Every structure is written in C-alpha cells, then in structure tokens.
Amino acid sequence: MKPPQQSLKDWTSQKWRTKSGKPSSKTGERYLPENAIKALSPAEYAATTRAKRAGKAKGKQFVAQPKNIAKKTAGYR
C-alpha cells in the first residue's frame, strides 16, 4: 500500500469515541481515538471539549483543538 492508503487503513482500524461513550452530536464532547483519550488528563479533555462546545454554539461543525492538546493527540490519529 502507498503511505496515504496505509494511513487511512490505520485510521479506520482505531476505536474512535467520546469519553462518555455517548454521541458527540448530543454531548458536544470531542470525538477522538480511544488511546488519545487515555493519554489526556481530565483537565485537558475538559479543555478540548469546552473548545468544541464553544465552536458548536457558534454554528461550526469542525473546531480546532487547543494547540497544546492538538500536539499531544496528533500521534494517535
């Protein structure tokens, strides 16, 4: 496989979820790979969820994570 194909295969094989296990569309929580959620502290997950909820309140579907959290979770995506 070419690198982009392998990357997509790896991405789809991960277990993506919210910390609560409920749909992100209902809770406003950040949807991340399970290993990324485990790597974040409760305060970091709360910060990224706050950012997601604030963006969602403004009508945005895609909201960037805080930079320090994005760096930490990038390796899990």
PDB file of N, CA and C in Angstrom:
ATOM      1  N   MET A   1       0.828  -1.196   0.000  1.00  0.00           N
ATOM      2  CA  MET A   1       0.000   0.000   0.000  1.00  0.00           C
ATOM      3  C   MET A   1       0.867   1.253   0.000  1.00  0.00           C
ATOM      4  N   LYS A   2       0.342   2.270  -0.616  1.00  0.00           N
ATOM      5  CA  LYS A   2       1.024   3.556  -0.576  1.00  0.00           C
ATOM      6  C   LYS A   2       0.819   4.164   0.806  1.00  0.00           C
ATOM      7  N   PRO A   3       1.725   5.028   1.255  1.00  0.00           N
ATOM      8  CA  PRO A   3       1.602   5.608   2.604  1.00  0.00           C
ATOM      9  C   PRO A   3       0.235   6.232   2.915  1.00  0.00           C
ATOM     10  N   PRO A   4      -0.381   6.995   1.998  1.00  0.00           N
ATOM     11  CA  PRO A   4      -1.704   7.544   2.331  1.00  0.00           C
ATOM     12  C   PRO A   4      -2.762   6.453   2.533  1.00  0.00           C
ATOM     13  N   GLN A   5      -2.666   5.385   1.747  1.00  0.00           N
ATOM     14  CA  GLN A   5      -3.611   4.282   1.901  1.00  0.00           C
ATOM     15  C   GLN A   5      -3.417   3.577   3.239  1.00  0.00           C
ATOM     16  N   GLN A   6      -2.153   3.369   3.621  1.00  0.00           N
ATOM     17  CA  GLN A   6      -1.857   2.723   4.896  1.00  0.00           C
ATOM     18  C   GLN A   6      -2.338   3.588   6.048  1.00  0.00           C
ATOM     19  N   SER A   7      -2.134   4.896   5.921  1.00  0.00           N
ATOM     20  CA  SER A   7      -2.568   5.822   6.957  1.00  0.00           C
ATOM     21  C   SER A   7      -4.078   5.759   7.137  1.00  0.00           C
ATOM     22  N   LEU A   8      -4.815   5.727   6.032  1.00  0.00           N
ATOM     23  CA  LEU A   8      -6.272   5.646   6.099  1.00  0.00           C
ATOM     24  C   LEU A   8      -6.716   4.318   6.711  1.00  0.00           C
ATOM     25  N   LYS A   9      -6.024   3.241   6.346  1.00  0.00           N
ATOM     26  CA  LYS A   9      -6.350   1.923   6.908  1.00  0.00           C
ATOM     27  C   LYS A   9      -6.138   1.928   8.427  1.00  0.00           C
ATOM     28  N   ASP A  10      -5.003   2.489   8.859  1.00  0.00           N
ATOM     29  CA  ASP A  10      -4.721   2.561  10.297  1.00  0.00           C
ATOM     30  C   ASP A  10      -5.761   3.418  11.012  1.00  0.00           C
ATOM     31  N   TRP A  11      -6.137   4.527  10.389  1.00  0.00           N
ATOM     32  CA  TRP A  11      -7.104   5.463  10.981  1.00  0.00           C
ATOM     33  C   TRP A  11      -8.453   4.785  11.185  1.00  0.00           C
ATOM     34  N   THR A  12      -8.889   4.006  10.191  1.00  0.00           N
ATOM     35  CA  THR A  12     -10.197   3.368  10.296  1.00  0.00           C
ATOM     36  C   THR A  12     -10.204   2.186  11.261  1.00  0.00           C
ATOM     37  N   SER A  13      -9.038   1.609  11.525  1.00  0.00           N
ATOM     38  CA  SER A  13      -8.994   0.460  12.433  1.00  0.00           C
ATOM     39  C   SER A  13      -8.974   0.886  13.910  1.00  0.00           C
ATOM     40  N   GLN A  14      -8.772   2.176  14.179  1.00  0.00           N
ATOM     41  CA  GLN A  14      -8.769   2.652  15.558  1.00  0.00           C
ATOM     42  C   GLN A  14     -10.192   2.730  16.095  1.00  0.00           C
ATOM     43  N   LYS A  15     -10.317   2.627  17.400  1.00  0.00           N
ATOM     44  CA  LYS A  15     -11.624   2.762  18.028  1.00  0.00           C
ATOM     45  C   LYS A  15     -11.810   4.238  18.403  1.00  0.00           C
ATOM     46  N   TRP A  16     -12.651   4.937  17.664  1.00  0.00           N
ATOM     47  CA  TRP A  16     -12.936   6.345  17.911  1.00  0.00           C
ATOM     48  C   TRP A  16     -14.179   6.441  18.779  1.00  0.00           C
ATOM     49  N   ARG A  17     -14.149   7.353  19.761  1.00  0.00           N
ATOM     50  CA  ARG A  17     -15.288   7.515  20.662  1.00  0.00           C
ATOM     51  C   ARG A  17     -15.171   8.815  21.443  1.00  0.00           C
ATOM     52  N   THR A  18     -16.177   9.091  22.262  1.00  0.00           N
ATOM     53  CA  THR A  18     -16.100  10.176  23.233  1.00  0.00           C
ATOM     54  C   THR A  18     -15.771   9.545  24.580  1.00  0.00           C
ATOM     55  N   LYS A  19     -15.377  10.344  25.510  1.00  0.00           N
ATOM     56  CA  LYS A  19     -15.006   9.803  26.826  1.00  0.00           C
ATOM     57  C   LYS A  19     -16.220   9.167  27.517  1.00  0.00           C
ATOM     58  N   SER A  20     -17.394   9.773  27.344  1.00  0.00           N
ATOM     59  CA  SER A  20     -18.602   9.249  27.985  1.00  0.00           C
ATOM     60  C   SER A  20     -19.190   8.065  27.234  1.00  0.00           C
ATOM     61  N   GLY A  21     -18.800   7.906  25.974  1.00  0.00           N
ATOM     62  CA  GLY A  21     -19.357   6.835  25.160  1.00  0.00           C
ATOM     63  C   GLY A  21     -20.643   7.236  24.452  1.00  0.00           C
ATOM     64  N   LYS A  22     -21.113   8.434  24.716  1.00  0.00           N
ATOM     65  CA  LYS A  22     -22.337   8.928  24.078  1.00  0.00           C
ATOM     66  C   LYS A  22     -21.975   9.660  22.789  1.00  0.00           C
ATOM     67  N   PRO A  23     -22.939   9.811  21.874  1.00  0.00           N
ATOM     68  CA  PRO A  23     -22.648  10.505  20.609  1.00  0.00           C
ATOM     69  C   PRO A  23     -22.201  11.949  20.838  1.00  0.00           C
ATOM     70  N   SER A  24     -21.171  12.346  20.116  1.00  0.00           N
ATOM     71  CA  SER A  24     -20.638  13.698  20.223  1.00  0.00           C
ATOM     72  C   SER A  24     -21.681  14.745  19.828  1.00  0.00           C
ATOM     73  N   SER A  25     -22.541  14.383  18.879  1.00  0.00           N
ATOM     74  CA  SER A  25     -23.558  15.333  18.428  1.00  0.00           C
ATOM     75  C   SER A  25     -24.549  15.686  19.541  1.00  0.00           C
ATOM     76  N   LYS A  26     -24.704  14.807  20.502  1.00  0.00           N
ATOM     77  CA  LYS A  26     -25.630  15.075  21.615  1.00  0.00           C
ATOM     78  C   LYS A  26     -24.938  15.733  22.809  1.00  0.00           C
ATOM     79  N   THR A  27     -23.682  15.355  23.060  1.00  0.00           N
ATOM     80  CA  THR A  27     -22.988  15.860  24.256  1.00  0.00           C
ATOM     81  C   THR A  27     -22.072  17.040  23.967  1.00  0.00           C
ATOM     82  N   GLY A  28     -21.639  17.181  22.712  1.00  0.00           N
ATOM     83  CA  GLY A  28     -20.688  18.237  22.378  1.00  0.00           C
ATOM     84  C   GLY A  28     -19.258  17.883  22.744  1.00  0.00           C
ATOM     85  N   GLU A  29     -19.043  16.652  23.183  1.00  0.00           N
ATOM     86  CA  GLU A  29     -17.695  16.210  23.555  1.00  0.00           C
ATOM     87  C   GLU A  29     -16.825  16.020  22.317  1.00  0.00           C
ATOM     88  N   ARG A  30     -15.536  16.022  22.532  1.00  0.00           N
ATOM     89  CA  ARG A  30     -14.567  15.786  21.467  1.00  0.00           C
ATOM     90  C   ARG A  30     -14.547  14.299  21.134  1.00  0.00           C
ATOM     91  N   TYR A  31     -14.534  13.972  19.851  1.00  0.00           N
ATOM     92  CA  TYR A  31     -14.505  12.612  19.349  1.00  0.00           C
ATOM     93  C   TYR A  31     -13.068  12.289  18.963  1.00  0.00           C
ATOM     94  N   LEU A  32     -12.441  11.359  19.667  1.00  0.00           N
ATOM     95  CA  LEU A  32     -11.019  11.055  19.480  1.00  0.00           C
ATOM     96  C   LEU A  32     -10.776   9.548  19.527  1.00  0.00           C
ATOM     97  N   PRO A  33      -9.607   9.109  19.047  1.00  0.00           N
ATOM     98  CA  PRO A  33      -9.254   7.697  19.229  1.00  0.00           C
ATOM     99  C   PRO A  33      -9.156   7.383  20.729  1.00  0.00           C
ATOM    100  N   GLU A  34      -9.515   6.170  21.075  1.00  0.00           N
ATOM    101  CA  GLU A  34      -9.527   5.753  22.481  1.00  0.00           C
ATOM    102  C   GLU A  34      -8.172   5.982  23.161  1.00  0.00           C
ATOM    103  N   ASN A  35      -7.078   5.695  22.455  1.00  0.00           N
ATOM    104  CA  ASN A  35      -5.751   5.880  23.047  1.00  0.00           C
ATOM    105  C   ASN A  35      -5.433   7.349  23.295  1.00  0.00           C
ATOM    106  N   ALA A  36      -5.938   8.224  22.454  1.00  0.00           N
ATOM    107  CA  ALA A  36      -5.728   9.659  22.655  1.00  0.00           C
ATOM    108  C   ALA A  36      -6.486  10.123  23.893  1.00  0.00           C
ATOM    109  N   ILE A  37      -7.690   9.622  24.083  1.00  0.00           N
ATOM    110  CA  ILE A  37      -8.477   9.984  25.270  1.00  0.00           C
ATOM    111  C   ILE A  37      -7.746   9.543  26.530  1.00  0.00           C
ATOM    112  N   LYS A  38      -7.171   8.334  26.495  1.00  0.00           N
ATOM    113  CA  LYS A  38      -6.437   7.822  27.655  1.00  0.00           C
ATOM    114  C   LYS A  38      -5.188   8.653  27.944  1.00  0.00           C
ATOM    115  N   ALA A  39      -4.589   9.220  26.901  1.00  0.00           N
ATOM    116  CA  ALA A  39      -3.360  10.000  27.068  1.00  0.00           C
ATOM    117  C   ALA A  39      -3.625  11.396  27.644  1.00  0.00           C
ATOM    118  N   LEU A  40      -4.852  11.880  27.522  1.00  0.00           N
ATOM    119  CA  LEU A  40      -5.178  13.216  28.021  1.00  0.00           C
ATOM    120  C   LEU A  40      -5.568  13.168  29.490  1.00  0.00           C
ATOM    121  N   SER A  41      -5.171  14.187  30.211  1.00  0.00           N
ATOM    122  CA  SER A  41      -5.606  14.306  31.601  1.00  0.00           C
ATOM    123  C   SER A  41      -7.070  14.755  31.586  1.00  0.00           C
ATOM    124  N   PRO A  42      -7.785  14.588  32.696  1.00  0.00           N
ATOM    125  CA  PRO A  42      -9.175  15.066  32.740  1.00  0.00           C
ATOM    126  C   PRO A  42      -9.291  16.562  32.423  1.00  0.00           C
ATOM    127  N   ALA A  43      -8.321  17.357  32.864  1.00  0.00           N
ATOM    128  CA  ALA A  43      -8.357  18.800  32.591  1.00  0.00           C
ATOM    129  C   ALA A  43      -8.148  19.081  31.102  1.00  0.00           C
ATOM    130  N   GLU A  44      -7.256  18.326  30.458  1.00  0.00           N
ATOM    131  CA  GLU A  44      -7.017  18.518  29.026  1.00  0.00           C
ATOM    132  C   GLU A  44      -8.236  18.120  28.206  1.00  0.00           C
ATOM    133  N   TYR A  45      -8.862  17.009  28.565  1.00  0.00           N
ATOM    134  CA  TYR A  45     -10.065  16.575  27.840  1.00  0.00           C
ATOM    135  C   TYR A  45     -11.180  17.598  28.038  1.00  0.00           C
ATOM    136  N   ALA A  46     -11.299  18.127  29.242  1.00  0.00           N
ATOM    137  CA  ALA A  46     -12.311  19.151  29.507  1.00  0.00           C
ATOM    138  C   ALA A  46     -12.044  20.402  28.678  1.00  0.00           C
ATOM    139  N   ALA A  47     -10.781  20.779  28.521  1.00  0.00           N
ATOM    140  CA  ALA A  47     -10.431  21.975  27.747  1.00  0.00           C
ATOM    141  C   ALA A  47     -10.771  21.793  26.272  1.00  0.00           C
ATOM    142  N   THR A  48     -10.476  20.637  25.720  1.00  0.00           N
ATOM    143  CA  THR A  48     -10.789  20.409  24.311  1.00  0.00           C
ATOM    144  C   THR A  48     -12.298  20.292  24.095  1.00  0.00           C
ATOM    145  N   THR A  49     -12.998  19.744  25.069  1.00  0.00           N
ATOM    146  CA  THR A  49     -14.450  19.666  24.982  1.00  0.00           C
ATOM    147  C   THR A  49     -15.071  21.054  25.078  1.00  0.00           C
ATOM    148  N   ARG A  50     -14.533  21.904  25.953  1.00  0.00           N
ATOM    149  CA  ARG A  50     -15.027  23.287  26.038  1.00  0.00           C
ATOM    150  C   ARG A  50     -14.865  24.006  24.708  1.00  0.00           C
ATOM    151  N   ALA A  51     -13.709  23.813  24.070  1.00  0.00           N
ATOM    152  CA  ALA A  51     -13.462  24.444  22.772  1.00  0.00           C
ATOM    153  C   ALA A  51     -14.456  23.929  21.731  1.00  0.00           C
ATOM    154  N   LYS A  52     -14.717  22.640  21.743  1.00  0.00           N
ATOM    155  CA  LYS A  52     -15.661  22.038  20.796  1.00  0.00           C
ATOM    156  C   LYS A  52     -17.066  22.587  21.025  1.00  0.00           C
ATOM    157  N   ARG A  53     -17.483  22.647  22.268  1.00  0.00           N
ATOM    158  CA  ARG A  53     -18.828  23.160  22.576  1.00  0.00           C
ATOM    159  C   ARG A  53     -18.973  24.635  22.222  1.00  0.00           C
ATOM    160  N   ALA A  54     -17.918  25.418  22.444  1.00  0.00           N
ATOM    161  CA  ALA A  54     -17.967  26.848  22.112  1.00  0.00           C
ATOM    162  C   ALA A  54     -18.087  27.034  20.601  1.00  0.00           C
ATOM    163  N   GLY A  55     -17.345  26.258  19.843  1.00  0.00           N
ATOM    164  CA  GLY A  55     -17.436  26.333  18.390  1.00  0.00           C
ATOM    165  C   GLY A  55     -18.779  25.867  17.875  1.00  0.00           C
ATOM    166  N   LYS A  56     -19.289  24.818  18.488  1.00  0.00           N
ATOM    167  CA  LYS A  56     -20.588  24.282  18.088  1.00  0.00           C
ATOM    168  C   LYS A  56     -21.690  25.308  18.365  1.00  0.00           C
ATOM    169  N   ALA A  57     -21.563  26.045  19.461  1.00  0.00           N
ATOM    170  CA  ALA A  57     -22.547  27.072  19.799  1.00  0.00           C
ATOM    171  C   ALA A  57     -22.544  28.204  18.766  1.00  0.00           C
ATOM    172  N   LYS A  58     -21.392  28.387  18.093  1.00  0.00           N
ATOM    173  CA  LYS A  58     -21.280  29.404  17.043  1.00  0.00           C
ATOM    174  C   LYS A  58     -21.706  28.858  15.684  1.00  0.00           C
ATOM    175  N   GLY A  59     -22.152  27.602  15.662  1.00  0.00           N
ATOM    176  CA  GLY A  59     -22.624  27.004  14.424  1.00  0.00           C
ATOM    177  C   GLY A  59     -21.563  26.278  13.618  1.00  0.00           C
ATOM    178  N   LYS A  60     -20.383  26.053  14.198  1.00  0.00           N
ATOM    179  CA  LYS A  60     -19.306  25.372  13.483  1.00  0.00           C
ATOM    180  C   LYS A  60     -19.378  23.869  13.726  1.00  0.00           C
ATOM    181  N   GLN A  61     -19.133  23.102  12.660  1.00  0.00           N
ATOM    182  CA  GLN A  61     -19.081  21.647  12.807  1.00  0.00           C
ATOM    183  C   GLN A  61     -17.666  21.201  13.160  1.00  0.00           C
ATOM    184  N   PHE A  62     -16.670  21.810  12.524  1.00  0.00           N
ATOM    185  CA  PHE A  62     -15.278  21.458  12.758  1.00  0.00           C
ATOM    186  C   PHE A  62     -14.623  22.555  13.576  1.00  0.00           C
ATOM    187  N   VAL A  63     -14.067  22.175  14.722  1.00  0.00           N
ATOM    188  CA  VAL A  63     -13.447  23.132  15.643  1.00  0.00           C
ATOM    189  C   VAL A  63     -12.061  22.618  15.996  1.00  0.00           C
ATOM    190  N   ALA A  64     -11.058  23.468  15.824  1.00  0.00           N
ATOM    191  CA  ALA A  64      -9.688  23.074  16.143  1.00  0.00           C
ATOM    192  C   ALA A  64      -9.525  22.881  17.649  1.00  0.00           C
ATOM    193  N   GLN A  65      -8.629  21.969  18.000  1.00  0.00           N
ATOM    194  CA  GLN A  65      -8.316  21.749  19.407  1.00  0.00           C
ATOM    195  C   GLN A  65      -7.338  22.831  19.873  1.00  0.00           C
ATOM    196  N   PRO A  66      -7.260  23.074  21.175  1.00  0.00           N
ATOM    197  CA  PRO A  66      -6.193  23.942  21.684  1.00  0.00           C
ATOM    198  C   PRO A  66      -4.847  23.373  21.229  1.00  0.00           C
ATOM    199  N   LYS A  67      -3.894  24.255  20.875  1.00  0.00           N
ATOM    200  CA  LYS A  67      -2.641  23.812  20.257  1.00  0.00           C
ATOM    201  C   LYS A  67      -1.867  22.788  21.075  1.00  0.00           C
ATOM    202  N   ASN A  68      -1.781  22.984  22.392  1.00  0.00           N
ATOM    203  CA  ASN A  68      -1.012  22.036  23.201  1.00  0.00           C
ATOM    204  C   ASN A  68      -1.661  20.651  23.217  1.00  0.00           C
ATOM    205  N   ILE A  69      -2.971  20.604  23.172  1.00  0.00           N
ATOM    206  CA  ILE A  69      -3.681  19.323  23.162  1.00  0.00           C
ATOM    207  C   ILE A  69      -3.600  18.693  21.775  1.00  0.00           C
ATOM    208  N   ALA A  70      -3.664  19.512  20.740  1.00  0.00           N
ATOM    209  CA  ALA A  70      -3.555  19.004  19.366  1.00  0.00           C
ATOM    210  C   ALA A  70      -2.206  18.322  19.156  1.00  0.00           C
ATOM    211  N   LYS A  71      -1.136  18.909  19.692  1.00  0.00           N
ATOM    212  CA  LYS A  71       0.192  18.292  19.582  1.00  0.00           C
ATOM    213  C   LYS A  71       0.216  16.929  20.279  1.00  0.00           C
ATOM    214  N   LYS A  72      -0.420  16.860  21.431  1.00  0.00           N
ATOM    215  CA  LYS A  72      -0.404  15.631  22.221  1.00  0.00           C
ATOM    216  C   LYS A  72      -1.211  14.516  21.546  1.00  0.00           C
ATOM    217  N   THR A  73      -2.329  14.854  20.912  1.00  0.00           N
ATOM    218  CA  THR A  73      -3.191  13.835  20.315  1.00  0.00           C
ATOM    219  C   THR A  73      -2.838  13.511  18.871  1.00  0.00           C
ATOM    220  N   ALA A  74      -2.013  14.334  18.235  1.00  0.00           N
ATOM    221  CA  ALA A  74      -1.695  14.128  16.809  1.00  0.00           C
ATOM    222  C   ALA A  74      -1.106  12.753  16.516  1.00  0.00           C
ATOM    223  N   GLY A  75      -0.310  12.253  17.402  1.00  0.00           N
ATOM    224  CA  GLY A  75       0.311  10.949  17.197  1.00  0.00           C
ATOM    225  C   GLY A  75      -0.650   9.778  17.252  1.00  0.00           C
ATOM    226  N   TYR A  76      -1.835  10.014  17.759  1.00  0.00           N
ATOM    227  CA  TYR A  76      -2.827   8.942  17.882  1.00  0.00           C
ATOM    228  C   TYR A  76      -3.799   8.898  16.707  1.00  0.00           C
ATOM    229  N   ARG A  77      -3.724   9.892  15.831  1.00  0.00           N
ATOM    230  CA  ARG A  77      -4.633   9.931  14.679  1.00  0.00           C
ATOM    231  C   ARG A  77      -3.935   9.476  13.432  1.00  0.00           C
TER     232      ARG A  77
END
